[in-house]
Amino acid sequence: MSRATVEPTKQRFGRFAYGRKDEEYIVDFLNVTKRALSEEYYRIFNYHYLLGADWRLCCRRLGLDRGTFFHMVYRMEAQLGRVYRELQPYALYPLDEYFSGTLKGSKAFPAGGARIVPIGPPPKVVNPDKVEKSSRRYPVRKAA
């Protein structure tokens, strides 16, 4: 079990809330998954992701061929990804927003006052066609 975390709430008198965020996330994740998937897709999710069975065991247990199994897995992943992202009022993805929260109505720090300061003079641009061949220097390897 994880530790209980103390979080400030937006109440008038500065109250705090206690919770186990890891366990709460797991419960939310599983409940949303169970509600979003049909019984057939949830069986695949349960065997493959929760119990850790590979595709061969899942296909044997569910009576599917390999192609059908992977097509169902890809459809399930797309459907669940959309559900996790669009869940209201708190999406399960991205994780940083779930665990630390975002302040509604706050603006990001403006980057408006930054200037570029050169650290040296700009390099000279030399046209290689105008340079004489005798002044061109090529690296020479010395033999021992």
N, C-alpha and C. Protein backbone atom coordinates (compact mmCIF):
# COMPACT_ATOMS: atom_id res chain seq x y z
N MET A 1 0.84 -1.18 0.00
CA MET A 1 0.00 0.00 0.00
C MET A 1 0.87 1.24 0.00
N SER A 2 0.38 2.26 -0.63
CA SER A 2 1.14 3.50 -0.68
C SER A 2 0.82 4.36 0.53
N ARG A 3 1.54 5.42 0.66
CA ARG A 3 1.32 6.34 1.77
C ARG A 3 0.15 7.27 1.46
N ALA A 4 -0.45 7.74 2.50
CA ALA A 4 -1.52 8.73 2.33
C ALA A 4 -0.88 10.08 2.03
N THR A 5 -1.46 10.81 1.10
CA THR A 5 -0.95 12.13 0.75
C THR A 5 -1.92 13.19 1.25
N VAL A 6 -1.37 14.32 1.61
CA VAL A 6 -2.16 15.45 2.08
C VAL A 6 -2.20 16.47 0.96
N GLU A 7 -3.39 16.89 0.59
CA GLU A 7 -3.55 17.85 -0.50
C GLU A 7 -4.39 19.02 -0.02
N PRO A 8 -3.98 20.23 -0.38
CA PRO A 8 -4.83 21.37 -0.04
C PRO A 8 -6.07 21.39 -0.93
N THR A 9 -7.17 21.83 -0.37
CA THR A 9 -8.40 21.95 -1.14
C THR A 9 -8.72 23.42 -1.35
N LYS A 10 -9.64 23.69 -2.22
CA LYS A 10 -10.00 25.07 -2.52
C LYS A 10 -11.17 25.54 -1.66
N GLN A 11 -11.14 25.18 -0.41
CA GLN A 11 -12.20 25.62 0.49
C GLN A 11 -11.80 26.93 1.15
N ARG A 12 -12.78 27.58 1.67
CA ARG A 12 -12.59 28.91 2.22
C ARG A 12 -11.67 28.92 3.44
N PHE A 13 -11.72 27.90 4.25
CA PHE A 13 -10.99 27.92 5.51
C PHE A 13 -9.69 27.11 5.47
N GLY A 14 -9.18 26.81 4.29
CA GLY A 14 -7.89 26.16 4.15
C GLY A 14 -7.84 24.73 4.66
N ARG A 15 -8.83 23.96 4.35
CA ARG A 15 -8.87 22.56 4.77
C ARG A 15 -7.96 21.72 3.89
N PHE A 16 -7.63 20.54 4.37
CA PHE A 16 -6.80 19.61 3.63
C PHE A 16 -7.57 18.31 3.42
N ALA A 17 -7.20 17.59 2.38
CA ALA A 17 -7.81 16.29 2.10
C ALA A 17 -6.71 15.23 2.13
N TYR A 18 -7.05 14.07 2.64
CA TYR A 18 -6.12 12.95 2.70
C TYR A 18 -6.57 11.89 1.71
N GLY A 19 -5.62 11.21 1.10
CA GLY A 19 -6.00 10.16 0.17
C GLY A 19 -4.81 9.32 -0.23
N ARG A 20 -5.10 8.17 -0.78
CA ARG A 20 -4.08 7.28 -1.33
C ARG A 20 -4.22 7.33 -2.84
N LYS A 21 -3.44 8.20 -3.47
CA LYS A 21 -3.62 8.49 -4.89
C LYS A 21 -3.36 7.27 -5.77
N ASP A 22 -2.39 6.44 -5.44
CA ASP A 22 -2.09 5.28 -6.29
C ASP A 22 -3.26 4.31 -6.33
N GLU A 23 -3.80 4.01 -5.15
CA GLU A 23 -4.93 3.09 -5.09
C GLU A 23 -6.18 3.69 -5.74
N GLU A 24 -6.38 4.99 -5.54
CA GLU A 24 -7.53 5.65 -6.16
C GLU A 24 -7.43 5.60 -7.68
N TYR A 25 -6.22 5.78 -8.21
CA TYR A 25 -6.03 5.73 -9.66
C TYR A 25 -6.32 4.32 -10.19
N ILE A 26 -5.85 3.31 -9.50
CA ILE A 26 -6.08 1.93 -9.95
C ILE A 26 -7.57 1.62 -9.98
N VAL A 27 -8.28 2.03 -8.94
CA VAL A 27 -9.72 1.78 -8.89
C VAL A 27 -10.44 2.54 -10.00
N ASP A 28 -10.08 3.81 -10.20
CA ASP A 28 -10.70 4.59 -11.28
C ASP A 28 -10.42 3.96 -12.64
N PHE A 29 -9.17 3.54 -12.85
CA PHE A 29 -8.76 2.93 -14.11
C PHE A 29 -9.58 1.68 -14.41
N LEU A 30 -9.70 0.80 -13.42
CA LEU A 30 -10.43 -0.45 -13.63
C LEU A 30 -11.93 -0.23 -13.80
N ASN A 31 -12.50 0.69 -13.03
CA ASN A 31 -13.94 0.96 -13.15
C ASN A 31 -14.29 1.57 -14.50
N VAL A 32 -13.48 2.51 -14.96
CA VAL A 32 -13.72 3.13 -16.26
C VAL A 32 -13.57 2.10 -17.37
N THR A 33 -12.57 1.25 -17.26
CA THR A 33 -12.35 0.21 -18.26
C THR A 33 -13.52 -0.75 -18.33
N LYS A 34 -14.01 -1.17 -17.17
CA LYS A 34 -15.13 -2.12 -17.15
C LYS A 34 -16.39 -1.50 -17.74
N ARG A 35 -16.63 -0.21 -17.48
CA ARG A 35 -17.81 0.45 -18.04
C ARG A 35 -17.69 0.71 -19.53
N ALA A 36 -16.46 0.95 -20.01
CA ALA A 36 -16.27 1.34 -21.42
C ALA A 36 -16.26 0.14 -22.37
N LEU A 37 -15.89 -1.04 -21.89
CA LEU A 37 -15.73 -2.19 -22.78
C LEU A 37 -16.94 -3.12 -22.71
N SER A 38 -17.16 -3.81 -23.81
CA SER A 38 -18.18 -4.87 -23.80
C SER A 38 -17.62 -6.08 -23.05
N GLU A 39 -18.46 -7.05 -22.79
CA GLU A 39 -18.04 -8.23 -22.03
C GLU A 39 -16.91 -8.98 -22.74
N GLU A 40 -17.00 -9.10 -24.06
CA GLU A 40 -15.98 -9.82 -24.83
C GLU A 40 -14.63 -9.11 -24.78
N TYR A 41 -14.66 -7.79 -24.97
CA TYR A 41 -13.42 -7.02 -24.93
C TYR A 41 -12.85 -6.98 -23.51
N TYR A 42 -13.71 -6.93 -22.51
CA TYR A 42 -13.22 -6.91 -21.13
C TYR A 42 -12.54 -8.24 -20.78
N ARG A 43 -13.01 -9.35 -21.31
CA ARG A 43 -12.34 -10.63 -21.07
C ARG A 43 -10.93 -10.61 -21.65
N ILE A 44 -10.78 -10.05 -22.85
CA ILE A 44 -9.43 -9.93 -23.44
C ILE A 44 -8.56 -9.03 -22.57
N PHE A 45 -9.11 -7.89 -22.14
CA PHE A 45 -8.37 -6.96 -21.28
C PHE A 45 -7.94 -7.67 -19.99
N ASN A 46 -8.84 -8.41 -19.40
CA ASN A 46 -8.55 -9.10 -18.15
C ASN A 46 -7.44 -10.13 -18.32
N TYR A 47 -7.55 -10.99 -19.32
CA TYR A 47 -6.54 -12.02 -19.52
C TYR A 47 -5.19 -11.43 -19.94
N HIS A 48 -5.22 -10.53 -20.91
CA HIS A 48 -3.97 -10.05 -21.50
C HIS A 48 -3.26 -9.02 -20.63
N TYR A 49 -3.97 -8.05 -20.09
CA TYR A 49 -3.33 -6.96 -19.36
C TYR A 49 -3.31 -7.17 -17.85
N LEU A 50 -4.39 -7.65 -17.28
CA LEU A 50 -4.42 -7.79 -15.83
C LEU A 50 -3.75 -9.08 -15.36
N LEU A 51 -4.01 -10.18 -16.04
CA LEU A 51 -3.41 -11.45 -15.64
C LEU A 51 -2.08 -11.72 -16.32
N GLY A 52 -1.75 -10.96 -17.36
CA GLY A 52 -0.44 -11.06 -18.00
C GLY A 52 -0.26 -12.23 -18.94
N ALA A 53 -1.33 -12.75 -19.49
CA ALA A 53 -1.23 -13.88 -20.42
C ALA A 53 -0.74 -13.39 -21.78
N ASP A 54 0.12 -14.18 -22.44
CA ASP A 54 0.57 -13.81 -23.77
C ASP A 54 -0.53 -14.12 -24.79
N TRP A 55 -0.28 -13.77 -26.04
CA TRP A 55 -1.32 -13.90 -27.06
C TRP A 55 -1.70 -15.35 -27.31
N ARG A 56 -0.74 -16.27 -27.18
CA ARG A 56 -1.05 -17.69 -27.43
C ARG A 56 -2.05 -18.23 -26.41
N LEU A 57 -1.80 -17.92 -25.15
CA LEU A 57 -2.71 -18.38 -24.10
C LEU A 57 -4.07 -17.71 -24.22
N CYS A 58 -4.08 -16.43 -24.54
CA CYS A 58 -5.36 -15.72 -24.71
C CYS A 58 -6.16 -16.31 -25.86
N CYS A 59 -5.49 -16.58 -26.97
CA CYS A 59 -6.19 -17.14 -28.14
C CYS A 59 -6.76 -18.52 -27.81
N ARG A 60 -5.99 -19.33 -27.11
CA ARG A 60 -6.47 -20.66 -26.74
C ARG A 60 -7.64 -20.57 -25.77
N ARG A 61 -7.53 -19.69 -24.78
CA ARG A 61 -8.57 -19.57 -23.75
C ARG A 61 -9.86 -18.97 -24.30
N LEU A 62 -9.72 -17.98 -25.22
CA LEU A 62 -10.90 -17.28 -25.74
C LEU A 62 -11.41 -17.87 -27.04
N GLY A 63 -10.68 -18.80 -27.63
CA GLY A 63 -11.11 -19.43 -28.88
C GLY A 63 -10.99 -18.50 -30.07
N LEU A 64 -9.92 -17.72 -30.13
CA LEU A 64 -9.69 -16.77 -31.23
C LEU A 64 -8.44 -17.16 -31.99
N ASP A 65 -8.36 -16.71 -33.25
CA ASP A 65 -7.10 -16.87 -33.97
C ASP A 65 -6.25 -15.62 -33.72
N ARG A 66 -4.98 -15.69 -34.11
CA ARG A 66 -4.03 -14.63 -33.80
C ARG A 66 -4.43 -13.28 -34.39
N GLY A 67 -4.82 -13.26 -35.66
CA GLY A 67 -5.18 -12.01 -36.32
C GLY A 67 -6.38 -11.33 -35.67
N THR A 68 -7.40 -12.11 -35.37
CA THR A 68 -8.59 -11.56 -34.72
C THR A 68 -8.25 -11.02 -33.34
N PHE A 69 -7.40 -11.75 -32.61
CA PHE A 69 -7.01 -11.30 -31.27
C PHE A 69 -6.33 -9.94 -31.33
N PHE A 70 -5.33 -9.80 -32.22
CA PHE A 70 -4.60 -8.54 -32.26
C PHE A 70 -5.45 -7.40 -32.81
N HIS A 71 -6.34 -7.67 -33.74
CA HIS A 71 -7.25 -6.62 -34.20
C HIS A 71 -8.16 -6.15 -33.07
N MET A 72 -8.61 -7.08 -32.26
CA MET A 72 -9.45 -6.70 -31.12
C MET A 72 -8.65 -5.91 -30.08
N VAL A 73 -7.39 -6.30 -29.87
CA VAL A 73 -6.54 -5.57 -28.92
C VAL A 73 -6.32 -4.14 -29.40
N TYR A 74 -6.03 -3.95 -30.70
CA TYR A 74 -5.79 -2.61 -31.22
C TYR A 74 -7.05 -1.75 -31.13
N ARG A 75 -8.21 -2.31 -31.44
CA ARG A 75 -9.46 -1.55 -31.31
C ARG A 75 -9.73 -1.18 -29.86
N MET A 76 -9.45 -2.12 -28.96
CA MET A 76 -9.67 -1.87 -27.54
C MET A 76 -8.74 -0.77 -27.03
N GLU A 77 -7.47 -0.80 -27.45
CA GLU A 77 -6.52 0.23 -27.02
C GLU A 77 -6.93 1.60 -27.52
N ALA A 78 -7.39 1.68 -28.76
CA ALA A 78 -7.84 2.97 -29.30
C ALA A 78 -9.06 3.48 -28.55
N GLN A 79 -10.00 2.60 -28.29
CA GLN A 79 -11.22 3.00 -27.59
C GLN A 79 -10.91 3.45 -26.17
N LEU A 80 -10.09 2.69 -25.45
CA LEU A 80 -9.76 3.04 -24.07
C LEU A 80 -8.92 4.31 -23.99
N GLY A 81 -8.00 4.49 -24.91
CA GLY A 81 -7.20 5.71 -24.92
C GLY A 81 -8.06 6.94 -25.05
N ARG A 82 -9.04 6.87 -25.94
CA ARG A 82 -9.95 8.00 -26.11
C ARG A 82 -10.78 8.23 -24.85
N VAL A 83 -11.24 7.15 -24.23
CA VAL A 83 -12.05 7.28 -23.01
C VAL A 83 -11.22 7.87 -21.87
N TYR A 84 -9.98 7.39 -21.69
CA TYR A 84 -9.13 7.89 -20.60
C TYR A 84 -8.81 9.37 -20.79
N ARG A 85 -8.64 9.79 -22.03
CA ARG A 85 -8.27 11.18 -22.32
C ARG A 85 -9.46 12.12 -22.16
N GLU A 86 -10.66 11.69 -22.56
CA GLU A 86 -11.82 12.57 -22.58
C GLU A 86 -12.69 12.45 -21.34
N LEU A 87 -12.27 11.69 -20.35
CA LEU A 87 -13.07 11.49 -19.15
C LEU A 87 -13.24 12.81 -18.40
N GLN A 88 -14.45 13.08 -17.96
CA GLN A 88 -14.76 14.33 -17.25
C GLN A 88 -15.18 14.01 -15.83
N PRO A 89 -14.93 14.76 -14.83
CA PRO A 89 -14.22 16.03 -14.82
C PRO A 89 -12.70 15.88 -14.75
N TYR A 90 -12.18 14.69 -14.43
CA TYR A 90 -10.73 14.49 -14.35
C TYR A 90 -10.34 13.33 -15.25
N ALA A 91 -9.57 13.62 -16.27
CA ALA A 91 -9.12 12.58 -17.19
C ALA A 91 -8.07 11.70 -16.52
N LEU A 92 -8.03 10.44 -16.91
CA LEU A 92 -7.02 9.53 -16.38
C LEU A 92 -5.68 9.68 -17.10
N TYR A 93 -5.68 10.39 -18.21
CA TYR A 93 -4.45 10.62 -18.96
C TYR A 93 -4.43 12.08 -19.36
N PRO A 94 -3.39 12.81 -19.24
CA PRO A 94 -2.04 12.49 -18.78
C PRO A 94 -1.98 12.34 -17.26
N LEU A 95 -1.03 11.56 -16.82
CA LEU A 95 -0.94 11.20 -15.41
C LEU A 95 -0.61 12.38 -14.51
N ASP A 96 0.22 13.31 -14.98
CA ASP A 96 0.58 14.43 -14.11
C ASP A 96 -0.63 15.28 -13.75
N GLU A 97 -1.59 15.40 -14.65
CA GLU A 97 -2.79 16.14 -14.33
C GLU A 97 -3.66 15.38 -13.34
N TYR A 98 -3.64 14.07 -13.39
CA TYR A 98 -4.43 13.28 -12.45
C TYR A 98 -3.83 13.35 -11.05
N PHE A 99 -2.52 13.20 -10.95
CA PHE A 99 -1.90 13.11 -9.63
C PHE A 99 -1.64 14.47 -8.99
N SER A 100 -1.25 15.47 -9.76
CA SER A 100 -0.95 16.76 -9.14
C SER A 100 -2.00 17.81 -9.43
N GLY A 101 -2.78 17.60 -10.46
CA GLY A 101 -3.85 18.55 -10.78
C GLY A 101 -3.33 19.78 -11.48
N THR A 102 -4.21 20.46 -12.16
CA THR A 102 -3.88 21.72 -12.80
C THR A 102 -4.79 22.78 -12.24
N LEU A 103 -4.28 23.97 -12.16
CA LEU A 103 -5.09 25.07 -11.66
C LEU A 103 -5.90 25.64 -12.80
N LYS A 104 -7.20 25.61 -12.65
CA LYS A 104 -8.09 26.13 -13.68
C LYS A 104 -8.01 27.66 -13.66
N GLY A 105 -7.91 28.25 -14.82
CA GLY A 105 -7.89 29.70 -14.93
C GLY A 105 -6.53 30.33 -14.72
N SER A 106 -5.50 29.56 -14.41
CA SER A 106 -4.17 30.13 -14.24
C SER A 106 -3.48 30.21 -15.60
N LYS A 107 -2.66 31.22 -15.74
CA LYS A 107 -1.95 31.42 -17.00
C LYS A 107 -0.50 30.99 -16.84
N ALA A 108 0.06 30.53 -17.92
CA ALA A 108 1.46 30.13 -17.91
C ALA A 108 2.34 31.37 -17.79
N PHE A 109 3.56 31.19 -17.32
CA PHE A 109 4.49 32.29 -17.19
C PHE A 109 4.81 32.85 -18.56
N PRO A 110 4.63 34.15 -18.79
CA PRO A 110 4.88 34.70 -20.12
C PRO A 110 6.37 34.74 -20.43
N ALA A 111 6.73 34.43 -21.64
CA ALA A 111 8.12 34.44 -22.06
C ALA A 111 8.41 35.66 -22.91
N GLY A 112 7.64 36.71 -22.75
CA GLY A 112 7.73 37.88 -23.62
C GLY A 112 8.98 38.71 -23.47
N GLY A 113 9.59 38.85 -22.32
CA GLY A 113 10.69 39.78 -22.14
C GLY A 113 12.05 39.23 -22.48
N ALA A 114 12.18 38.06 -23.03
CA ALA A 114 13.48 37.47 -23.31
C ALA A 114 14.12 38.10 -24.54
N ARG A 115 15.44 38.38 -24.46
CA ARG A 115 16.16 38.86 -25.62
C ARG A 115 17.33 37.92 -25.89
N ILE A 116 17.75 37.94 -27.13
CA ILE A 116 18.90 37.13 -27.52
C ILE A 116 20.14 38.01 -27.42
N VAL A 117 21.12 37.55 -26.65
CA VAL A 117 22.35 38.30 -26.46
C VAL A 117 23.46 37.52 -27.15
N PRO A 118 24.14 38.14 -28.15
CA PRO A 118 25.23 37.42 -28.82
C PRO A 118 26.42 37.25 -27.89
N ILE A 119 27.14 36.14 -28.02
CA ILE A 119 28.31 35.90 -27.19
C ILE A 119 29.61 36.21 -27.93
N GLY A 120 29.52 36.61 -29.16
CA GLY A 120 30.70 36.96 -29.94
C GLY A 120 30.29 37.57 -31.26
N PRO A 121 31.27 38.04 -32.03
CA PRO A 121 30.92 38.61 -33.33
C PRO A 121 30.43 37.52 -34.28
N PRO A 122 29.62 37.89 -35.26
CA PRO A 122 29.14 36.88 -36.20
C PRO A 122 30.29 36.35 -37.06
N PRO A 123 30.28 35.09 -37.44
CA PRO A 123 31.37 34.53 -38.25
C PRO A 123 31.35 35.10 -39.67
N LYS A 124 32.56 35.16 -40.27
CA LYS A 124 32.68 35.64 -41.64
C LYS A 124 32.21 34.56 -42.60
N VAL A 125 31.50 34.98 -43.62
CA VAL A 125 31.06 34.05 -44.65
C VAL A 125 32.00 34.21 -45.83
N VAL A 126 32.67 33.12 -46.20
CA VAL A 126 33.65 33.15 -47.28
C VAL A 126 33.11 32.30 -48.42
N ASN A 127 33.14 32.88 -49.62
CA ASN A 127 32.72 32.14 -50.80
C ASN A 127 33.89 31.26 -51.25
N PRO A 128 33.74 29.94 -51.30
CA PRO A 128 34.87 29.07 -51.64
C PRO A 128 35.36 29.23 -53.08
N ASP A 129 34.56 29.79 -53.96
CA ASP A 129 35.00 29.96 -55.35
C ASP A 129 36.01 31.10 -55.49
N LYS A 130 35.98 32.07 -54.60
CA LYS A 130 36.87 33.22 -54.70
C LYS A 130 38.20 33.01 -53.98
N VAL A 131 38.34 31.92 -53.26
CA VAL A 131 39.58 31.65 -52.53
C VAL A 131 40.54 30.94 -53.48
N GLU A 132 41.81 31.38 -53.46
CA GLU A 132 42.81 30.76 -54.33
C GLU A 132 43.10 29.34 -53.87
N LYS A 133 43.47 28.49 -54.84
CA LYS A 133 43.72 27.09 -54.51
C LYS A 133 44.94 26.94 -53.62
N SER A 134 45.93 27.81 -53.75
CA SER A 134 47.14 27.68 -52.95
C SER A 134 46.87 28.03 -51.48
N SER A 135 45.86 28.83 -51.23
CA SER A 135 45.60 29.21 -49.84
C SER A 135 44.68 28.21 -49.13
N ARG A 136 44.12 27.27 -49.88
CA ARG A 136 43.29 26.24 -49.25
C ARG A 136 44.19 25.26 -48.51
N ARG A 137 43.82 24.95 -47.32
CA ARG A 137 44.63 24.02 -46.54
C ARG A 137 43.80 22.78 -46.26
N TYR A 138 44.40 21.67 -46.53
CA TYR A 138 43.75 20.39 -46.29
C TYR A 138 44.52 19.68 -45.19
N PRO A 139 43.85 18.95 -44.35
CA PRO A 139 44.57 18.22 -43.30
C PRO A 139 45.47 17.15 -43.91
N VAL A 140 46.67 17.06 -43.40
CA VAL A 140 47.65 16.09 -43.89
C VAL A 140 47.96 15.13 -42.75
N ARG A 141 47.91 13.86 -43.06
CA ARG A 141 48.27 12.87 -42.06
C ARG A 141 49.76 12.59 -42.16
N LYS A 142 50.37 12.56 -41.03
CA LYS A 142 51.80 12.27 -41.01
C LYS A 142 52.00 10.79 -40.70
N ALA A 143 52.87 10.18 -41.45
CA ALA A 143 53.19 8.77 -41.21
C ALA A 143 54.25 8.69 -40.13
N ALA A 144 54.22 7.66 -39.34
CA ALA A 144 55.17 7.53 -38.23
C ALA A 144 56.49 7.11 -38.66
